[in-house]
C-alpha atoms as a PDB file:
ATOM      1  CA  MET A   1     -47.430 111.470  16.788  1.00  0.00           C
ATOM      2  CA  GLU A   2     -46.764 109.104  14.128  1.00  0.00           C
ATOM      3  CA  ALA A   3     -49.454 108.778  11.091  1.00  0.00           C
ATOM      4  CA  LYS A   4     -51.006 105.698  10.073  1.00  0.00           C
ATOM      5  CA  VAL A   5     -50.018 104.138   7.182  1.00  0.00           C
ATOM      6  CA  LYS A   6     -53.134 103.838   4.796  1.00  0.00           C
ATOM      7  CA  LYS A   7     -53.628 100.280   3.540  1.00  0.00           C
ATOM      8  CA  VAL A   8     -54.498  98.824  -0.020  1.00  0.00           C
ATOM      9  CA  CYS A   9     -55.900  95.957  -0.925  1.00  0.00           C
ATOM     10  CA  VAL A  10     -55.706  94.242  -4.533  1.00  0.00           C
ATOM     11  CA  VAL A  11     -58.019  90.985  -5.088  1.00  0.00           C
ATOM     12  CA  ALA A  12     -57.463  88.623  -7.989  1.00  0.00           C
ATOM     13  CA  THR A  13     -58.745  84.949  -8.437  1.00  0.00           C
ATOM     14  CA  VAL A  14     -54.980  83.949  -9.985  1.00  0.00           C
ATOM     15  CA  SER A  15     -51.703  85.227  -9.120  1.00  0.00           C
ATOM     16  CA  VAL A  16     -50.608  85.726 -12.477  1.00  0.00           C
ATOM     17  CA  ALA A  17     -52.921  88.902 -12.538  1.00  0.00           C
ATOM     18  CA  HIS A  18     -50.801  90.681 -10.137  1.00  0.00           C
ATOM     19  CA  ARG A  19     -47.380  89.503 -11.691  1.00  0.00           C
ATOM     20  CA  VAL A  20     -48.369  90.580 -15.264  1.00  0.00           C
ATOM     21  CA  PHE A  21     -50.850  93.362 -14.776  1.00  0.00           C
ATOM     22  CA  MET A  22     -50.282  94.813 -11.303  1.00  0.00           C
ATOM     23  CA  LYS A  23     -46.616  94.524 -10.461  1.00  0.00           C
ATOM     24  CA  GLU A  24     -45.701  98.212 -11.614  1.00  0.00           C
ATOM     25  CA  HIS A  25     -48.816  99.659  -9.641  1.00  0.00           C
ATOM     26  CA  VAL A  26     -48.007  97.796  -6.501  1.00  0.00           C
ATOM     27  CA  GLU A  27     -44.504  98.756  -6.679  1.00  0.00           C
ATOM     28  CA  ARG A  28     -45.381 102.807  -6.688  1.00  0.00           C
ATOM     29  CA  LEU A  29     -48.200 102.364  -4.325  1.00  0.00           C
ATOM     30  CA  SER A  30     -45.958 100.593  -1.908  1.00  0.00           C
ATOM     31  CA  GLU A  31     -43.848 103.587  -1.670  1.00  0.00           C
ATOM     32  CA  ARG A  32     -46.658 105.420   0.326  1.00  0.00           C
ATOM     33  CA  TYR A  33     -49.049 102.770   1.493  1.00  0.00           C
ATOM     34  CA  HIS A  34     -49.201  99.073   2.872  1.00  0.00           C
ATOM     35  CA  VAL A  35     -50.571  96.838  -0.017  1.00  0.00           C
ATOM     36  CA  THR A  36     -51.963  93.698   0.338  1.00  0.00           C
ATOM     37  CA  HIS A  37     -52.513  90.767  -2.305  1.00  0.00           C
ATOM     38  CA  VAL A  38     -55.097  88.596  -2.263  1.00  0.00           C
ATOM     39  CA  CYS A  39     -55.061  85.496  -4.461  1.00  0.00           C
ATOM     40  CA  SER A  40     -54.938  81.904  -5.077  1.00  0.00           C
ATOM     41  CA  GLY A  41     -51.537  80.805  -5.034  1.00  0.00           C
ATOM     42  CA  VAL A  42     -49.249  83.720  -3.384  1.00  0.00           C
ATOM     43  CA  SER A  43     -46.458  81.295  -3.208  1.00  0.00           C
ATOM     44  CA  ASP A  44     -45.672  82.531  -6.973  1.00  0.00           C
ATOM     45  CA  LEU A  45     -45.347  86.072  -5.770  1.00  0.00           C
ATOM     46  CA  GLU A  46     -42.937  85.774  -2.908  1.00  0.00           C
ATOM     47  CA  SER A  47     -39.999  86.866  -4.976  1.00  0.00           C
ATOM     48  CA  VAL A  48     -41.975  89.244  -7.149  1.00  0.00           C
ATOM     49  CA  PHE A  49     -43.196  91.429  -4.279  1.00  0.00           C
ATOM     50  CA  SER A  50     -40.420  91.588  -1.632  1.00  0.00           C
ATOM     51  CA  SER A  51     -41.136  95.100  -0.267  1.00  0.00           C
ATOM     52  CA  ALA A  52     -41.607  95.520   3.297  1.00  0.00           C
ATOM     53  CA  ASN A  53     -45.118  97.272   2.435  1.00  0.00           C
ATOM     54  CA  VAL A  54     -46.295  94.109   0.649  1.00  0.00           C
ATOM     55  CA  SER A  55     -48.221  91.389   2.507  1.00  0.00           C
ATOM     56  CA  LEU A  56     -49.806  88.290   0.727  1.00  0.00           C
ATOM     57  CA  VAL A  57     -52.612  86.521   1.762  1.00  0.00           C
ATOM     58  CA  ASP A  58     -53.735  83.162   0.007  1.00  0.00           C
ATOM     59  CA  ILE A  59     -57.686  82.886  -0.325  1.00  0.00           C
ATOM     60  CA  GLN A  60     -59.022  80.232  -2.719  1.00  0.00           C
ATOM     61  CA  ILE A  61     -61.059  82.288  -5.205  1.00  0.00           C
ATOM     62  CA  GLU A  62     -62.620  79.965  -8.009  1.00  0.00           C
ATOM     63  CA  ARG A  63     -62.591  81.566 -11.256  1.00  0.00           C
ATOM     64  CA  ASN A  64     -65.943  79.452 -12.290  1.00  0.00           C
ATOM     65  CA  ILE A  65     -68.847  80.590 -10.701  1.00  0.00           C
ATOM     66  CA  SER A  66     -70.261  78.848  -7.951  1.00  0.00           C
ATOM     67  CA  LEU A  67     -72.478  80.159  -5.192  1.00  0.00           C
ATOM     68  CA  LEU A  68     -71.153  77.918  -2.225  1.00  0.00           C
ATOM     69  CA  SER A  69     -67.203  78.463  -2.852  1.00  0.00           C
ATOM     70  CA  ASP A  70     -67.799  82.380  -3.927  1.00  0.00           C
ATOM     71  CA  LEU A  71     -69.383  82.711  -0.557  1.00  0.00           C
ATOM     72  CA  VAL A  72     -66.719  81.002   1.328  1.00  0.00           C
ATOM     73  CA  SER A  73     -64.416  83.503  -0.503  1.00  0.00           C
ATOM     74  CA  LEU A  74     -66.269  86.055   0.608  1.00  0.00           C
ATOM     75  CA  PHE A  75     -66.492  85.243   3.642  1.00  0.00           C
ATOM     76  CA  LYS A  76     -62.834  84.898   4.240  1.00  0.00           C
ATOM     77  CA  LEU A  77     -61.968  88.308   2.545  1.00  0.00           C
ATOM     78  CA  LEU A  78     -64.597  89.885   5.275  1.00  0.00           C
ATOM     79  CA  LYS A  79     -62.585  88.133   8.071  1.00  0.00           C
ATOM     80  CA  LEU A  80     -59.716  89.461   6.256  1.00  0.00           C
ATOM     81  CA  PHE A  81     -60.389  92.944   7.099  1.00  0.00           C
END
């Protein structure tokens, strides 16, 4: 029986954080885990993370504090899991 691949989710408000700060970490994590990136504007990351163990999910997450917008983003994240 095959062991299930564990999953890791990395969430940021903008894709630049993934590209600049998390690229090397995600490349190493994707060797052992399935990594899901969640942020606004994931199309910028398609060329950076092309591994089979990396998936991209576009959820609008506002940088400014906004109760309604934050709740909508939270519910979308909960739905993802």
